[in-house]
Amino acid sequence: HFWGPTFKWGISIANIVDFAKPPEKLSYPQQIVVTCTGVICVRYSTVITPKNWNLVNVNLAMAGTGIYQLSHKMRYVTDLFFLGLLLI
């Protein structure tokens, strides 16, 4: 029960490294999956016995970084829309 959450930290770390990536290169489906996985699994990891706090924390980090990346992408798209640069 140690290695699963420990390797899962790699996803959150990769997402943090991607904070510097231009928003047009971010993938909605990928970030939605990272966010949903974090939210669903943090709930699961709080109801299991015994509590695995490494699992709780890694899933919180996944949800947080996913939400941040999604908001970053959405702000970029809305800015383009309001500037008239986004052709739908």
N, C-alpha and C. Protein backbone atom coordinates (compact mmCIF):
# COMPACT_ATOMS: atom_id res chain seq x y z
N HIS A 1 0.82 -1.21 0.00
CA HIS A 1 0.00 0.00 0.00
C HIS A 1 0.85 1.25 0.00
N PHE A 2 2.12 1.09 -0.13
CA PHE A 2 3.02 2.24 -0.13
C PHE A 2 3.37 2.69 -1.54
N TRP A 3 3.64 1.74 -2.44
CA TRP A 3 4.17 2.10 -3.75
C TRP A 3 3.15 2.72 -4.68
N GLY A 4 1.89 2.30 -4.61
CA GLY A 4 0.86 2.88 -5.48
C GLY A 4 0.75 4.39 -5.32
N PRO A 5 0.48 4.87 -4.11
CA PRO A 5 0.40 6.32 -3.92
C PRO A 5 1.73 7.03 -4.18
N THR A 6 2.82 6.36 -3.88
CA THR A 6 4.12 6.98 -4.08
C THR A 6 4.38 7.23 -5.57
N PHE A 7 4.07 6.25 -6.40
CA PHE A 7 4.24 6.44 -7.85
C PHE A 7 3.21 7.41 -8.41
N LYS A 8 2.06 7.50 -7.77
CA LYS A 8 1.02 8.43 -8.22
C LYS A 8 1.47 9.89 -8.05
N TRP A 9 2.41 10.13 -7.13
CA TRP A 9 2.94 11.48 -6.97
C TRP A 9 3.59 11.97 -8.27
N GLY A 10 4.08 11.04 -9.10
CA GLY A 10 4.69 11.43 -10.37
C GLY A 10 3.72 12.18 -11.27
N ILE A 11 2.43 11.82 -11.21
CA ILE A 11 1.42 12.51 -12.02
C ILE A 11 1.28 13.96 -11.54
N SER A 12 1.21 14.14 -10.23
CA SER A 12 1.07 15.50 -9.69
C SER A 12 2.32 16.33 -9.96
N ILE A 13 3.48 15.71 -9.83
CA ILE A 13 4.73 16.44 -10.11
C ILE A 13 4.79 16.83 -11.58
N ALA A 14 4.40 15.93 -12.47
CA ALA A 14 4.38 16.25 -13.91
C ALA A 14 3.40 17.40 -14.18
N ASN A 15 2.27 17.40 -13.49
CA ASN A 15 1.30 18.48 -13.66
C ASN A 15 1.87 19.81 -13.17
N ILE A 16 2.63 19.78 -12.07
CA ILE A 16 3.25 21.00 -11.56
C ILE A 16 4.30 21.51 -12.55
N VAL A 17 5.07 20.61 -13.13
CA VAL A 17 6.06 21.00 -14.14
C VAL A 17 5.35 21.63 -15.34
N ASP A 18 4.16 21.14 -15.67
CA ASP A 18 3.40 21.67 -16.80
C ASP A 18 2.79 23.04 -16.53
N PHE A 19 2.89 23.56 -15.30
CA PHE A 19 2.38 24.90 -15.03
C PHE A 19 3.05 25.92 -15.95
N ALA A 20 4.27 25.67 -16.36
CA ALA A 20 5.01 26.59 -17.22
C ALA A 20 4.65 26.42 -18.70
N LYS A 21 3.91 25.38 -19.01
CA LYS A 21 3.55 25.09 -20.40
C LYS A 21 2.51 26.11 -20.89
N PRO A 22 2.59 26.53 -22.15
CA PRO A 22 1.57 27.44 -22.68
C PRO A 22 0.18 26.80 -22.62
N PRO A 23 -0.84 27.58 -22.28
CA PRO A 23 -2.18 27.00 -22.09
C PRO A 23 -2.74 26.29 -23.33
N GLU A 24 -2.34 26.73 -24.52
CA GLU A 24 -2.87 26.07 -25.72
C GLU A 24 -2.36 24.64 -25.87
N LYS A 25 -1.31 24.31 -25.14
CA LYS A 25 -0.77 22.94 -25.21
C LYS A 25 -1.37 22.02 -24.15
N LEU A 26 -2.19 22.55 -23.27
CA LEU A 26 -2.83 21.74 -22.23
C LEU A 26 -4.01 20.99 -22.82
N SER A 27 -4.22 19.79 -22.34
CA SER A 27 -5.29 18.93 -22.85
C SER A 27 -6.46 18.91 -21.87
N TYR A 28 -7.65 19.32 -22.35
CA TYR A 28 -8.84 19.24 -21.50
C TYR A 28 -9.10 17.82 -21.02
N PRO A 29 -9.14 16.81 -21.92
CA PRO A 29 -9.45 15.46 -21.44
C PRO A 29 -8.46 14.96 -20.38
N GLN A 30 -7.18 15.23 -20.57
CA GLN A 30 -6.19 14.77 -19.60
C GLN A 30 -6.41 15.43 -18.25
N GLN A 31 -6.63 16.73 -18.25
CA GLN A 31 -6.80 17.44 -16.98
C GLN A 31 -8.12 17.08 -16.30
N ILE A 32 -9.16 16.82 -17.08
CA ILE A 32 -10.43 16.39 -16.50
C ILE A 32 -10.26 15.04 -15.81
N VAL A 33 -9.53 14.13 -16.46
CA VAL A 33 -9.29 12.80 -15.87
C VAL A 33 -8.46 12.92 -14.60
N VAL A 34 -7.41 13.74 -14.61
CA VAL A 34 -6.58 13.92 -13.42
C VAL A 34 -7.42 14.50 -12.28
N THR A 35 -8.24 15.50 -12.58
CA THR A 35 -9.08 16.12 -11.56
C THR A 35 -10.10 15.14 -11.00
N CYS A 36 -10.82 14.45 -11.88
CA CYS A 36 -11.84 13.50 -11.42
C CYS A 36 -11.23 12.35 -10.64
N THR A 37 -10.10 11.85 -11.09
CA THR A 37 -9.42 10.78 -10.36
C THR A 37 -9.07 11.25 -8.95
N GLY A 38 -8.53 12.45 -8.84
CA GLY A 38 -8.18 12.98 -7.53
C GLY A 38 -9.37 13.15 -6.63
N VAL A 39 -10.46 13.73 -7.16
CA VAL A 39 -11.66 13.98 -6.35
C VAL A 39 -12.30 12.67 -5.91
N ILE A 40 -12.47 11.74 -6.83
CA ILE A 40 -13.11 10.46 -6.49
C ILE A 40 -12.26 9.66 -5.52
N CYS A 41 -10.97 9.60 -5.79
CA CYS A 41 -10.09 8.78 -4.94
C CYS A 41 -9.84 9.39 -3.57
N VAL A 42 -9.89 10.72 -3.45
CA VAL A 42 -9.71 11.31 -2.13
C VAL A 42 -10.90 10.94 -1.25
N ARG A 43 -12.06 10.87 -1.83
CA ARG A 43 -13.24 10.44 -1.07
C ARG A 43 -13.09 8.99 -0.63
N TYR A 44 -12.69 8.14 -1.56
CA TYR A 44 -12.50 6.73 -1.24
C TYR A 44 -11.42 6.54 -0.17
N SER A 45 -10.33 7.28 -0.31
CA SER A 45 -9.21 7.08 0.61
C SER A 45 -9.50 7.61 2.01
N THR A 46 -10.58 8.38 2.20
CA THR A 46 -10.94 8.84 3.54
C THR A 46 -11.91 7.87 4.22
N VAL A 47 -12.54 6.97 3.47
CA VAL A 47 -13.50 6.05 4.10
C VAL A 47 -12.92 4.67 4.34
N ILE A 48 -11.76 4.35 3.77
CA ILE A 48 -11.18 3.03 4.00
C ILE A 48 -10.52 2.97 5.37
N THR A 49 -10.41 1.76 5.89
CA THR A 49 -9.75 1.55 7.17
C THR A 49 -8.63 0.54 6.96
N PRO A 50 -7.45 0.78 7.41
CA PRO A 50 -6.95 1.99 8.06
C PRO A 50 -6.72 3.10 7.05
N LYS A 51 -6.75 4.33 7.53
CA LYS A 51 -6.55 5.48 6.64
C LYS A 51 -5.12 5.46 6.09
N ASN A 52 -5.01 5.74 4.80
CA ASN A 52 -3.71 5.84 4.15
C ASN A 52 -3.52 7.31 3.81
N TRP A 53 -2.81 8.03 4.68
CA TRP A 53 -2.69 9.49 4.52
C TRP A 53 -1.84 9.87 3.31
N ASN A 54 -0.93 9.02 2.89
CA ASN A 54 -0.17 9.27 1.67
C ASN A 54 -1.13 9.26 0.47
N LEU A 55 -2.07 8.32 0.47
CA LEU A 55 -3.07 8.22 -0.60
C LEU A 55 -4.00 9.43 -0.59
N VAL A 56 -4.42 9.87 0.60
CA VAL A 56 -5.28 11.06 0.71
C VAL A 56 -4.55 12.27 0.14
N ASN A 57 -3.30 12.46 0.55
CA ASN A 57 -2.55 13.65 0.11
C ASN A 57 -2.25 13.64 -1.38
N VAL A 58 -1.90 12.50 -1.93
CA VAL A 58 -1.59 12.46 -3.37
C VAL A 58 -2.84 12.74 -4.18
N ASN A 59 -3.99 12.26 -3.73
CA ASN A 59 -5.22 12.52 -4.47
C ASN A 59 -5.67 13.97 -4.33
N LEU A 60 -5.43 14.58 -3.17
CA LEU A 60 -5.69 16.02 -3.04
C LEU A 60 -4.80 16.82 -3.99
N ALA A 61 -3.53 16.40 -4.08
CA ALA A 61 -2.61 17.08 -4.98
C ALA A 61 -3.04 16.91 -6.44
N MET A 62 -3.49 15.71 -6.80
CA MET A 62 -3.96 15.49 -8.17
C MET A 62 -5.16 16.37 -8.48
N ALA A 63 -6.13 16.40 -7.56
CA ALA A 63 -7.32 17.23 -7.78
C ALA A 63 -6.94 18.70 -7.87
N GLY A 64 -6.07 19.14 -6.98
CA GLY A 64 -5.67 20.56 -6.96
C GLY A 64 -4.93 20.98 -8.22
N THR A 65 -3.96 20.17 -8.65
CA THR A 65 -3.21 20.55 -9.85
C THR A 65 -4.09 20.46 -11.10
N GLY A 66 -5.00 19.48 -11.13
CA GLY A 66 -5.91 19.37 -12.27
C GLY A 66 -6.85 20.56 -12.36
N ILE A 67 -7.38 20.98 -11.21
CA ILE A 67 -8.28 22.15 -11.18
C ILE A 67 -7.52 23.40 -11.62
N TYR A 68 -6.30 23.54 -11.14
CA TYR A 68 -5.50 24.70 -11.52
C TYR A 68 -5.26 24.72 -13.04
N GLN A 69 -4.88 23.58 -13.60
CA GLN A 69 -4.60 23.51 -15.04
C GLN A 69 -5.87 23.78 -15.85
N LEU A 70 -7.00 23.23 -15.42
CA LEU A 70 -8.27 23.48 -16.14
C LEU A 70 -8.63 24.97 -16.08
N SER A 71 -8.47 25.59 -14.92
CA SER A 71 -8.81 27.01 -14.82
C SER A 71 -7.85 27.85 -15.67
N HIS A 72 -6.58 27.45 -15.72
CA HIS A 72 -5.58 28.15 -16.54
C HIS A 72 -5.98 28.09 -18.02
N LYS A 73 -6.38 26.92 -18.48
CA LYS A 73 -6.80 26.74 -19.87
C LYS A 73 -8.09 27.52 -20.16
N MET A 74 -9.05 27.46 -19.24
CA MET A 74 -10.32 28.15 -19.46
C MET A 74 -10.15 29.67 -19.48
N ARG A 75 -9.26 30.19 -18.61
CA ARG A 75 -8.99 31.64 -18.64
C ARG A 75 -8.39 32.04 -19.98
N TYR A 76 -7.50 31.24 -20.51
CA TYR A 76 -6.87 31.52 -21.80
C TYR A 76 -7.91 31.54 -22.91
N VAL A 77 -8.78 30.54 -22.94
CA VAL A 77 -9.80 30.45 -23.98
C VAL A 77 -10.79 31.60 -23.87
N THR A 78 -11.20 31.96 -22.64
CA THR A 78 -12.13 33.08 -22.49
C THR A 78 -11.49 34.39 -22.88
N ASP A 79 -10.22 34.57 -22.57
CA ASP A 79 -9.52 35.78 -22.99
C ASP A 79 -9.48 35.88 -24.51
N LEU A 80 -9.20 34.78 -25.18
CA LEU A 80 -9.21 34.78 -26.64
C LEU A 80 -10.60 35.10 -27.18
N PHE A 81 -11.61 34.54 -26.54
CA PHE A 81 -12.99 34.78 -26.99
C PHE A 81 -13.35 36.26 -26.87
N PHE A 82 -13.04 36.86 -25.73
CA PHE A 82 -13.39 38.26 -25.52
C PHE A 82 -12.54 39.21 -26.34
N LEU A 83 -11.37 38.79 -26.74
CA LEU A 83 -10.55 39.61 -27.62
C LEU A 83 -10.94 39.42 -29.09
N GLY A 84 -11.82 38.47 -29.35
CA GLY A 84 -12.27 38.23 -30.71
C GLY A 84 -11.30 37.40 -31.53
N LEU A 85 -10.35 36.77 -30.87
CA LEU A 85 -9.35 35.99 -31.59
C LEU A 85 -9.72 34.53 -31.73
N LEU A 86 -10.76 34.11 -31.01
CA LEU A 86 -11.17 32.72 -31.06
C LEU A 86 -12.27 32.56 -32.10
N LEU A 87 -12.00 31.78 -33.10
CA LEU A 87 -12.99 31.51 -34.14
C LEU A 87 -13.64 30.17 -33.84
N ILE A 88 -14.91 30.19 -33.56
CA ILE A 88 -15.60 28.96 -33.19
C ILE A 88 -16.15 28.28 -34.42
